[in-house]
Amino acid sequence: MVNLQTYISQILDELRNALIPVSNDQGEKLAHAITNSRAVFVAGAGRSGLAMKSFAMRLMHLGFETYVVGETLTPNITDRDVLLVGSGSGSTGSLVGIADKARAVGAAICLITIQEDSPVGQMADTILTIPAPTPKIDVDLNLASVQPMGSLFEQSLLLTLDAIILLLMDKTGKDTDAMFARHANLE
């Protein structure tokens, strides 16, 4: 009989299979791009966009100047900044346009994706690949998911971004206590 714990076990197995192949080198390059930028701009659509917003919050807690593309308080991007896009397909029209504008001003572009050779991937300076299948992309990754739509990529994106935060904590020497000093106090 299928029950909640059966589904949880299946999801955990899927996440493990999608995340074990993620490259340490790609993760280090992404962390390096972030630490060497003036400001980090994040972008994503749908649930991937929510994961990117979550990452922006943690970057802010670490003391990075961070913005979410499309928010009313987001300033212009410059050639000293990095745009980090989270997109399974790397071909979402709005994200391709954003990356193109960032490229035009000389900003570095980083992409977390399933498809390296996507339109955003072709503009990216740094790519981190997560081999999580989604019905939106016709590519054989030798993995299957019981989850609907792009859930496995979206979950994998969030967990990968949390791991990047841990890398950045190591690189900056900041711990949870230091991060809590920047936690919202108007809640």
Protein backbone atom coordinates (compact mmCIF):
# COMPACT_ATOMS: atom_id res chain seq x y z
CA MET A 1 0.00 0.00 0.00
CA VAL A 2 1.33 3.43 -0.94
CA ASN A 3 1.35 5.90 1.93
CA LEU A 4 3.04 9.17 2.87
CA GLN A 5 6.25 7.49 4.09
CA THR A 6 6.51 5.54 0.83
CA TYR A 7 6.39 8.78 -1.15
CA ILE A 8 8.88 10.47 1.18
CA SER A 9 11.30 7.57 0.68
CA GLN A 10 10.88 7.76 -3.09
CA ILE A 11 11.50 11.52 -3.10
CA LEU A 12 14.62 11.15 -0.94
CA ASP A 13 15.96 8.45 -3.27
CA GLU A 14 15.27 10.69 -6.27
CA LEU A 15 17.05 13.63 -4.63
CA ARG A 16 20.06 11.49 -3.78
CA ASN A 17 20.29 10.23 -7.36
CA ALA A 18 19.96 13.74 -8.80
CA LEU A 19 22.43 15.40 -6.41
CA ILE A 20 25.26 12.88 -6.12
CA PRO A 21 26.50 13.66 -9.68
CA VAL A 22 26.60 17.46 -9.04
CA SER A 23 30.16 18.67 -9.62
CA ASN A 24 32.27 19.99 -6.75
CA ASP A 25 34.30 22.00 -9.26
CA GLN A 26 31.19 23.67 -10.66
CA GLY A 27 30.05 24.48 -7.13
CA GLU A 28 33.42 26.02 -6.27
CA LYS A 29 33.35 28.12 -9.45
CA LEU A 30 29.89 29.38 -8.59
CA ALA A 31 30.95 30.26 -5.03
CA HIS A 32 34.04 32.03 -6.43
CA ALA A 33 31.90 34.09 -8.83
CA ILE A 34 29.69 35.17 -5.95
CA THR A 35 32.54 36.11 -3.61
CA ASN A 36 34.27 38.11 -6.35
CA SER A 37 31.27 40.21 -7.33
CA ARG A 38 30.10 43.58 -6.04
CA ALA A 39 26.49 42.40 -5.95
CA VAL A 40 24.56 39.23 -6.72
CA PHE A 41 21.33 39.38 -8.73
CA VAL A 42 19.19 36.24 -8.74
CA ALA A 43 16.50 35.25 -11.22
CA GLY A 44 14.21 32.31 -11.78
CA ALA A 45 10.63 31.62 -12.79
CA GLY A 46 7.91 29.73 -10.96
CA ARG A 47 9.05 27.40 -8.20
CA SER A 48 12.67 27.73 -9.33
CA GLY A 49 12.25 31.46 -8.79
CA LEU A 50 11.09 30.80 -5.24
CA ALA A 51 14.24 28.75 -4.60
CA MET A 52 16.33 31.62 -5.97
CA LYS A 53 14.58 34.09 -3.64
CA SER A 54 15.35 31.80 -0.72
CA PHE A 55 19.01 31.79 -1.78
CA ALA A 56 19.03 35.59 -2.03
CA MET A 57 17.80 35.78 1.56
CA ARG A 58 20.64 33.57 2.79
CA LEU A 59 23.19 35.58 0.79
CA MET A 60 21.88 38.71 2.51
CA HIS A 61 22.24 36.97 5.87
CA LEU A 62 25.89 36.31 4.96
CA GLY A 63 26.36 40.02 4.22
CA PHE A 64 26.39 39.88 0.42
CA GLU A 65 24.72 42.70 -1.48
CA THR A 66 21.90 40.73 -3.07
CA TYR A 67 18.88 41.51 -5.24
CA VAL A 68 16.01 39.58 -6.77
CA VAL A 69 15.44 40.55 -10.40
CA GLY A 70 11.99 42.05 -10.86
CA GLU A 71 11.55 43.33 -7.30
CA THR A 72 10.81 47.04 -7.00
CA LEU A 73 13.97 47.77 -4.99
CA THR A 74 16.37 46.07 -7.40
CA PRO A 75 18.90 48.53 -8.88
CA ASN A 76 20.69 48.29 -12.20
CA ILE A 77 23.23 45.52 -12.74
CA THR A 78 26.81 46.49 -13.63
CA ASP A 79 29.93 44.88 -14.99
CA ARG A 80 31.10 44.26 -11.41
CA ASP A 81 28.07 42.11 -10.60
CA VAL A 82 26.92 38.57 -11.17
CA LEU A 83 23.53 37.38 -12.38
CA LEU A 84 22.65 33.92 -11.08
CA VAL A 85 19.82 32.21 -12.97
CA GLY A 86 18.08 29.07 -11.74
CA SER A 87 16.31 27.39 -14.64
CA GLY A 88 15.88 23.70 -15.42
CA SER A 89 15.54 24.32 -19.13
CA GLY A 90 17.73 27.41 -19.35
CA SER A 91 15.39 28.58 -22.08
CA THR A 92 12.54 30.37 -20.29
CA GLY A 93 11.93 33.46 -22.44
CA SER A 94 11.97 36.02 -19.64
CA LEU A 95 15.19 34.58 -18.19
CA VAL A 96 16.90 34.53 -21.60
CA GLY A 97 16.02 38.24 -21.96
CA ILE A 98 17.35 39.04 -18.48
CA ALA A 99 20.60 37.19 -19.14
CA ASP A 100 20.98 38.96 -22.49
CA LYS A 101 20.62 42.38 -20.80
CA ALA A 102 23.11 41.41 -18.08
CA ARG A 103 25.57 40.20 -20.71
CA ALA A 104 25.19 43.51 -22.60
CA VAL A 105 26.43 45.50 -19.58
CA GLY A 106 29.26 43.07 -18.90
CA ALA A 107 27.90 41.31 -15.80
CA ALA A 108 29.04 37.76 -15.15
CA ILE A 109 26.33 35.17 -15.72
CA CYS A 110 25.97 31.98 -13.71
CA LEU A 111 23.38 29.31 -14.43
CA ILE A 112 22.10 26.35 -12.44
CA THR A 113 20.31 24.10 -14.89
CA ILE A 114 19.67 20.69 -16.36
CA GLN A 115 20.76 21.77 -19.86
CA GLU A 116 24.19 23.34 -20.24
CA ASP A 117 23.71 24.03 -23.95
CA SER A 118 20.54 26.07 -23.43
CA PRO A 119 20.21 29.72 -24.54
CA VAL A 120 21.17 31.00 -21.07
CA GLY A 121 23.88 28.34 -20.88
CA GLN A 122 25.43 29.69 -24.08
CA MET A 123 25.74 33.12 -22.40
CA ALA A 124 26.89 31.81 -19.02
CA ASP A 125 30.39 32.19 -17.62
CA THR A 126 29.72 29.53 -14.97
CA ILE A 127 27.30 26.62 -15.12
CA LEU A 128 26.32 24.17 -12.41
CA THR A 129 24.40 21.19 -13.77
CA ILE A 130 21.81 19.24 -11.82
CA PRO A 131 20.73 16.07 -13.70
CA ALA A 132 17.12 16.06 -12.47
CA PRO A 133 14.53 15.00 -15.05
CA THR A 134 11.54 17.14 -15.89
CA PRO A 135 8.85 16.66 -18.54
CA LYS A 136 9.60 20.20 -19.78
CA ILE A 137 12.86 18.99 -21.31
CA ASP A 138 13.28 16.08 -23.69
CA VAL A 139 16.60 14.72 -22.48
CA ASP A 140 17.45 11.24 -21.17
CA LEU A 141 19.18 11.53 -17.79
CA ASN A 142 18.76 7.86 -16.81
CA LEU A 143 16.62 9.03 -13.88
CA ALA A 144 12.88 9.00 -13.43
CA SER A 145 10.65 10.81 -10.99
CA VAL A 146 7.30 9.94 -9.48
CA GLN A 147 6.83 13.64 -8.73
CA PRO A 148 4.81 15.96 -10.91
CA MET A 149 6.22 18.43 -13.36
CA GLY A 150 9.61 19.93 -12.39
CA SER A 151 9.45 19.16 -8.66
CA LEU A 152 12.66 17.12 -8.59
CA PHE A 153 14.71 19.88 -10.22
CA GLU A 154 13.15 22.56 -8.03
CA GLN A 155 13.90 20.61 -4.85
CA SER A 156 17.40 19.79 -6.07
CA LEU A 157 17.98 23.46 -6.86
CA LEU A 158 17.01 24.51 -3.32
CA LEU A 159 19.23 21.88 -1.70
CA THR A 160 22.16 22.73 -3.98
CA LEU A 161 21.79 26.42 -3.16
CA ASP A 162 21.76 25.58 0.57
CA ALA A 163 25.00 23.64 0.04
CA ILE A 164 26.48 26.67 -1.77
CA ILE A 165 25.60 28.76 1.31
CA LEU A 166 27.61 26.32 3.44
CA LEU A 167 30.56 26.72 1.04
CA LEU A 168 30.25 30.49 1.29
CA MET A 169 30.08 30.30 5.09
CA ASP A 170 33.39 28.41 5.04
CA LYS A 171 34.95 30.92 2.62
CA THR A 172 33.80 33.98 4.58
CA GLY A 173 34.34 32.54 8.04
CA LYS A 174 30.78 33.44 9.04
CA ASP A 175 28.64 31.21 11.18
CA THR A 176 24.95 31.00 12.02
CA ASP A 177 25.33 33.51 14.85
CA ALA A 178 26.80 36.10 12.47
CA MET A 179 23.98 35.42 10.02
CA PHE A 180 21.32 35.86 12.72
CA ALA A 181 22.65 39.37 13.32
CA ARG A 182 21.25 40.22 9.85
CA HIS A 183 17.96 38.35 10.31
CA ALA A 184 14.78 40.40 9.95
CA ASN A 185 13.63 41.95 13.20
CA LEU A 186 10.38 43.54 12.00
CA GLU A 187 8.47 40.28 11.88
